Amino acid sequence: MAASRDFLTAHFGYTQAAAADGFAKLTREDAAVDIVLLRRGTEVLPAEQRDQRAGGLILAFTVSDLADHAERLHRAGVPLTMPLREEPWGERLFQVTDPNGVVLQLVEWA
């Protein structure tokens, strides 16, 4: 949880709005939603969900100046886990992955 929090605050402009043991709420003034991170095993979750991982989860952010974001992250030492590409339907995107395996996708519409 802490590694994901640190990644999002360092590279995506989020700030920590609230925190407790095993919990962090991240926010951005310009974001439509906040991100809540919970440590695996925390008792706030139902028992059957406590040890699940975020497999298959992609957090997608629509941005302007996609190439600038790719360059900024590259300069910060963040590897692109899916290189910048353009899909036939006009979506330009790339992906990075946080230390816990959460995929963050940045998207710009051509």
C-alpha atoms as a PDB file:
ATOM      1  CA  MET A   1       0.000   0.000   0.000  1.00  0.00           C
ATOM      2  CA  ALA A   2       2.723   2.457   0.938  1.00  0.00           C
ATOM      3  CA  ALA A   3       4.676   1.748  -2.261  1.00  0.00           C
ATOM      4  CA  SER A   4       1.604   2.390  -4.433  1.00  0.00           C
ATOM      5  CA  ARG A   5       0.838   5.560  -2.462  1.00  0.00           C
ATOM      6  CA  ASP A   6       4.377   6.818  -2.907  1.00  0.00           C
ATOM      7  CA  PHE A   7       4.341   6.018  -6.642  1.00  0.00           C
ATOM      8  CA  LEU A   8       1.075   7.888  -7.225  1.00  0.00           C
ATOM      9  CA  THR A   9       2.154  10.914  -5.200  1.00  0.00           C
ATOM     10  CA  ALA A  10       5.614  11.094  -6.791  1.00  0.00           C
ATOM     11  CA  HIS A  11       4.636  10.541 -10.423  1.00  0.00           C
ATOM     12  CA  PHE A  12       0.933  11.343 -10.811  1.00  0.00           C
ATOM     13  CA  GLY A  13       0.433  14.438  -8.668  1.00  0.00           C
ATOM     14  CA  TYR A  14      -1.793  12.881  -6.019  1.00  0.00           C
ATOM     15  CA  THR A  15      -1.668  14.007  -2.405  1.00  0.00           C
ATOM     16  CA  GLN A  16      -2.603  11.992   0.640  1.00  0.00           C
ATOM     17  CA  ALA A  17      -5.904  13.322   1.986  1.00  0.00           C
ATOM     18  CA  ALA A  18      -6.359  10.786   4.786  1.00  0.00           C
ATOM     19  CA  ALA A  19      -4.450   7.883   6.268  1.00  0.00           C
ATOM     20  CA  ALA A  20      -4.596   5.276   9.005  1.00  0.00           C
ATOM     21  CA  ASP A  21      -2.877   1.967   9.630  1.00  0.00           C
ATOM     22  CA  GLY A  22      -3.108   0.098   6.312  1.00  0.00           C
ATOM     23  CA  PHE A  23      -5.188   2.776   4.585  1.00  0.00           C
ATOM     24  CA  ALA A  24      -4.504   5.807   2.394  1.00  0.00           C
ATOM     25  CA  LYS A  25      -6.891   8.076   0.500  1.00  0.00           C
ATOM     26  CA  LEU A  26      -5.292   9.969  -2.378  1.00  0.00           C
ATOM     27  CA  THR A  27      -6.768  12.954  -4.138  1.00  0.00           C
ATOM     28  CA  ARG A  28      -6.070  15.506  -6.851  1.00  0.00           C
ATOM     29  CA  GLU A  29      -7.900  18.784  -7.236  1.00  0.00           C
ATOM     30  CA  ASP A  30      -8.551  18.076 -10.926  1.00  0.00           C
ATOM     31  CA  ALA A  31      -9.470  14.390 -10.576  1.00  0.00           C
ATOM     32  CA  ALA A  32     -12.992  13.059 -10.951  1.00  0.00           C
ATOM     33  CA  VAL A  33     -12.390  10.371  -8.317  1.00  0.00           C
ATOM     34  CA  ASP A  34     -10.129   9.734  -5.353  1.00  0.00           C
ATOM     35  CA  ILE A  35      -8.010   6.606  -5.002  1.00  0.00           C
ATOM     36  CA  VAL A  36      -8.280   4.528  -1.831  1.00  0.00           C
ATOM     37  CA  LEU A  37      -5.509   2.049  -1.099  1.00  0.00           C
ATOM     38  CA  LEU A  38      -5.853  -0.702   1.504  1.00  0.00           C
ATOM     39  CA  ARG A  39      -3.133  -2.992   2.783  1.00  0.00           C
ATOM     40  CA  ARG A  40      -3.757  -6.657   2.017  1.00  0.00           C
ATOM     41  CA  GLY A  41      -5.243  -8.442   4.993  1.00  0.00           C
ATOM     42  CA  THR A  42      -6.838  -5.354   6.526  1.00  0.00           C
ATOM     43  CA  GLU A  43      -9.926  -6.154   8.564  1.00  0.00           C
ATOM     44  CA  VAL A  44     -11.965  -3.379   6.915  1.00  0.00           C
ATOM     45  CA  LEU A  45     -12.402  -5.733   3.968  1.00  0.00           C
ATOM     46  CA  PRO A  46     -14.728  -8.758   4.084  1.00  0.00           C
ATOM     47  CA  ALA A  47     -12.775 -11.913   4.959  1.00  0.00           C
ATOM     48  CA  GLU A  48     -13.026 -13.345   1.415  1.00  0.00           C
ATOM     49  CA  GLN A  49     -11.436 -10.179  -0.056  1.00  0.00           C
ATOM     50  CA  ARG A  50      -8.591  -9.588   2.415  1.00  0.00           C
ATOM     51  CA  ASP A  51      -5.889 -11.451   0.526  1.00  0.00           C
ATOM     52  CA  GLN A  52      -6.880 -10.589  -3.047  1.00  0.00           C
ATOM     53  CA  ARG A  53      -4.486  -8.752  -5.332  1.00  0.00           C
ATOM     54  CA  ALA A  54      -5.404  -6.162  -7.940  1.00  0.00           C
ATOM     55  CA  GLY A  55      -4.848  -8.529 -10.875  1.00  0.00           C
ATOM     56  CA  GLY A  56      -6.387  -7.256 -14.089  1.00  0.00           C
ATOM     57  CA  LEU A  57      -6.902  -3.735 -12.746  1.00  0.00           C
ATOM     58  CA  ILE A  58      -5.895  -0.842 -15.018  1.00  0.00           C
ATOM     59  CA  LEU A  59      -6.218   2.732 -13.820  1.00  0.00           C
ATOM     60  CA  ALA A  60      -6.672   4.810 -16.969  1.00  0.00           C
ATOM     61  CA  PHE A  61      -6.015   8.546 -17.040  1.00  0.00           C
ATOM     62  CA  THR A  62      -7.030  10.693 -20.009  1.00  0.00           C
ATOM     63  CA  VAL A  63      -4.357  13.329 -20.566  1.00  0.00           C
ATOM     64  CA  SER A  64      -3.232  15.982 -23.005  1.00  0.00           C
ATOM     65  CA  ASP A  65       0.335  15.955 -24.326  1.00  0.00           C
ATOM     66  CA  LEU A  66       0.768  12.202 -23.971  1.00  0.00           C
ATOM     67  CA  ALA A  67       4.334  12.248 -25.320  1.00  0.00           C
ATOM     68  CA  ASP A  68       5.303  14.841 -22.695  1.00  0.00           C
ATOM     69  CA  HIS A  69       3.982  12.561 -19.939  1.00  0.00           C
ATOM     70  CA  ALA A  70       5.931   9.611 -21.355  1.00  0.00           C
ATOM     71  CA  GLU A  71       9.121  11.696 -21.416  1.00  0.00           C
ATOM     72  CA  ARG A  72       8.516  13.032 -17.880  1.00  0.00           C
ATOM     73  CA  LEU A  73       8.069   9.532 -16.473  1.00  0.00           C
ATOM     74  CA  HIS A  74      11.087   8.243 -18.401  1.00  0.00           C
ATOM     75  CA  ARG A  75      13.265  11.052 -16.990  1.00  0.00           C
ATOM     76  CA  ALA A  76      12.042  10.103 -13.499  1.00  0.00           C
ATOM     77  CA  GLY A  77      13.235   6.528 -14.050  1.00  0.00           C
ATOM     78  CA  VAL A  78       9.780   4.987 -14.448  1.00  0.00           C
ATOM     79  CA  PRO A  79       9.908   2.284 -17.139  1.00  0.00           C
ATOM     80  CA  LEU A  80       7.119   2.140 -19.704  1.00  0.00           C
ATOM     81  CA  THR A  81       5.703  -1.366 -19.362  1.00  0.00           C
ATOM     82  CA  MET A  82       3.748  -0.870 -22.596  1.00  0.00           C
ATOM     83  CA  PRO A  83       5.397   1.556 -25.008  1.00  0.00           C
ATOM     84  CA  LEU A  84       3.599   4.505 -26.537  1.00  0.00           C
ATOM     85  CA  ARG A  85       1.369   3.344 -29.381  1.00  0.00           C
ATOM     86  CA  GLU A  86      -1.666   4.382 -31.376  1.00  0.00           C
ATOM     87  CA  GLU A  87      -4.647   2.113 -31.883  1.00  0.00           C
ATOM     88  CA  PRO A  88      -6.542   2.059 -35.220  1.00  0.00           C
ATOM     89  CA  TRP A  89      -9.580   3.714 -33.581  1.00  0.00           C
ATOM     90  CA  GLY A  90      -7.551   6.805 -32.607  1.00  0.00           C
ATOM     91  CA  GLU A  91      -6.534   6.075 -29.031  1.00  0.00           C
ATOM     92  CA  ARG A  92      -2.892   6.855 -28.204  1.00  0.00           C
ATOM     93  CA  LEU A  93      -1.639   5.277 -24.987  1.00  0.00           C
ATOM     94  CA  PHE A  94       1.161   3.857 -22.911  1.00  0.00           C
ATOM     95  CA  GLN A  95       1.342   2.045 -19.587  1.00  0.00           C
ATOM     96  CA  VAL A  96       3.512   2.046 -16.488  1.00  0.00           C
ATOM     97  CA  THR A  97       3.248  -0.336 -13.547  1.00  0.00           C
ATOM     98  CA  ASP A  98       3.523   0.627  -9.888  1.00  0.00           C
ATOM     99  CA  PRO A  99       5.640  -1.386  -7.406  1.00  0.00           C
ATOM    100  CA  ASN A 100       2.611  -3.557  -6.497  1.00  0.00           C
ATOM    101  CA  GLY A 101       1.755  -4.461 -10.080  1.00  0.00           C
ATOM    102  CA  VAL A 102      -1.074  -1.941 -10.555  1.00  0.00           C
ATOM    103  CA  VAL A 103      -1.112  -0.881 -14.206  1.00  0.00           C
ATOM    104  CA  LEU A 104      -1.528   2.843 -14.894  1.00  0.00           C
ATOM    105  CA  GLN A 105      -2.485   3.685 -18.454  1.00  0.00           C
ATOM    106  CA  LEU A 106      -2.235   7.193 -19.873  1.00  0.00           C
ATOM    107  CA  VAL A 107      -4.521   7.826 -22.839  1.00  0.00           C
ATOM    108  CA  GLU A 108      -4.924  10.638 -25.344  1.00  0.00           C
ATOM    109  CA  TRP A 109      -7.485  10.632 -28.151  1.00  0.00           C
ATOM    110  CA  ALA A 110      -6.076  11.497 -31.586  1.00  0.00           C
END
